[in-house]
Amino acid sequence: MAHVASRIALLLGLALVPIACVVWPEGSGPGAPEMPLAEALAHRERGEAVLIDVRSREAYARGHIPGALNMPAHKIDGQAVEIRRIGKQPILYCG
């Protein structure tokens, strides 16, 4: 039950900060640190991070940060191993 509550809190946090990024898996859940977009892009440009758009495929298709991957929020848990295999810090964003 606590896992479900943490996941709901994370998803609510993602929905409420459309111009910020939430770093995952470290620091995920309630109180997750926000990262300004410019900082997230700098991490990506240095090859340290991968940006993951957690909106629906339809929202992603309407516009997204160039080079960002799309993994809808409801599928993140099932793709955690795949995300870790990328070998870069995943930065999730929703807007």
Protein backbone atom coordinates (compact mmCIF):
# COMPACT_ATOMS: atom_id res chain seq x y z
CA MET A 1 0.00 0.00 0.00
CA ALA A 2 2.87 2.41 0.78
CA HIS A 3 4.29 1.72 -2.70
CA VAL A 4 0.98 2.76 -4.27
CA ALA A 5 0.87 5.93 -2.16
CA SER A 6 4.44 6.83 -3.14
CA ARG A 7 3.68 6.26 -6.80
CA ILE A 8 0.54 8.39 -6.64
CA ALA A 9 2.48 11.16 -4.90
CA LEU A 10 5.17 11.01 -7.59
CA LEU A 11 2.60 11.19 -10.38
CA LEU A 12 0.84 14.10 -8.67
CA GLY A 13 4.18 15.85 -8.30
CA LEU A 14 4.87 15.35 -11.99
CA ALA A 15 1.47 16.76 -12.89
CA LEU A 16 1.91 19.82 -10.70
CA VAL A 17 5.35 20.92 -11.92
CA PRO A 18 5.04 21.14 -15.71
CA ILE A 19 8.05 23.44 -16.14
CA ALA A 20 10.32 21.55 -13.77
CA CYS A 21 11.87 18.13 -13.89
CA VAL A 22 11.83 15.42 -11.28
CA VAL A 23 14.93 13.29 -10.90
CA TRP A 24 14.22 9.55 -10.66
CA PRO A 25 14.87 6.96 -9.15
CA GLU A 26 16.96 8.73 -6.49
CA GLY A 27 14.82 11.26 -4.68
CA SER A 28 11.56 10.10 -6.21
CA GLY A 29 8.30 10.31 -4.36
CA PRO A 30 7.04 13.04 -2.07
CA GLY A 31 9.58 15.81 -1.70
CA ALA A 32 11.52 14.82 -4.81
CA PRO A 33 13.96 17.56 -5.77
CA GLU A 34 12.95 19.66 -8.74
CA MET A 35 15.48 20.47 -11.42
CA PRO A 36 15.14 23.54 -13.64
CA LEU A 37 14.85 22.76 -17.34
CA ALA A 38 18.13 24.54 -18.15
CA GLU A 39 19.97 22.33 -15.67
CA ALA A 40 18.35 19.17 -17.05
CA LEU A 41 19.34 20.15 -20.59
CA ALA A 42 22.91 20.87 -19.45
CA HIS A 43 23.15 17.37 -17.91
CA ARG A 44 21.89 15.87 -21.16
CA GLU A 45 24.29 17.92 -23.30
CA ARG A 46 27.22 16.70 -21.18
CA GLY A 47 26.08 13.11 -21.77
CA GLU A 48 25.23 12.60 -18.10
CA ALA A 49 21.46 12.23 -18.38
CA VAL A 50 18.59 11.12 -20.56
CA LEU A 51 15.32 13.06 -20.59
CA ILE A 52 12.16 10.98 -20.32
CA ASP A 53 8.78 12.53 -21.13
CA VAL A 54 6.20 10.78 -18.95
CA ARG A 55 3.12 12.17 -20.68
CA SER A 56 0.86 10.12 -22.95
CA ARG A 57 2.02 9.23 -26.46
CA GLU A 58 -0.50 11.73 -27.82
CA ALA A 59 0.86 14.58 -25.71
CA TYR A 60 4.43 13.60 -26.63
CA ALA A 61 3.47 13.63 -30.33
CA ARG A 62 2.08 17.18 -29.98
CA GLY A 63 5.48 18.41 -28.81
CA HIS A 64 8.39 17.41 -26.63
CA ILE A 65 11.99 18.28 -25.87
CA PRO A 66 14.05 17.13 -28.87
CA GLY A 67 15.82 13.85 -28.11
CA ALA A 68 13.62 12.99 -25.13
CA LEU A 69 12.31 9.45 -24.83
CA ASN A 70 8.60 8.82 -24.21
CA MET A 71 7.59 6.48 -21.41
CA PRO A 72 4.10 7.24 -20.11
CA ALA A 73 4.04 7.51 -16.31
CA HIS A 74 1.87 4.43 -15.87
CA LYS A 75 4.59 2.32 -17.55
CA ILE A 76 7.63 3.61 -15.65
CA ASP A 77 7.63 0.88 -12.99
CA GLY A 78 7.68 -1.81 -15.67
CA GLN A 79 10.56 -0.16 -17.51
CA ALA A 80 12.86 0.59 -14.57
CA VAL A 81 15.40 -2.05 -15.61
CA GLU A 82 15.44 -0.71 -19.17
CA ILE A 83 15.91 2.84 -17.90
CA ARG A 84 18.86 1.77 -15.73
CA ARG A 85 20.46 -0.01 -18.71
CA ILE A 86 20.77 3.34 -20.48
CA GLY A 87 23.55 4.07 -18.01
CA LYS A 88 22.69 7.75 -17.59
CA GLN A 89 20.77 9.67 -14.96
CA PRO A 90 17.09 9.55 -15.94
CA ILE A 91 15.32 12.91 -15.68
CA LEU A 92 11.56 12.62 -15.92
CA TYR A 93 9.44 15.53 -17.04
CA CYS A 94 5.81 16.10 -17.85
CA GLY A 95 5.48 19.38 -19.66
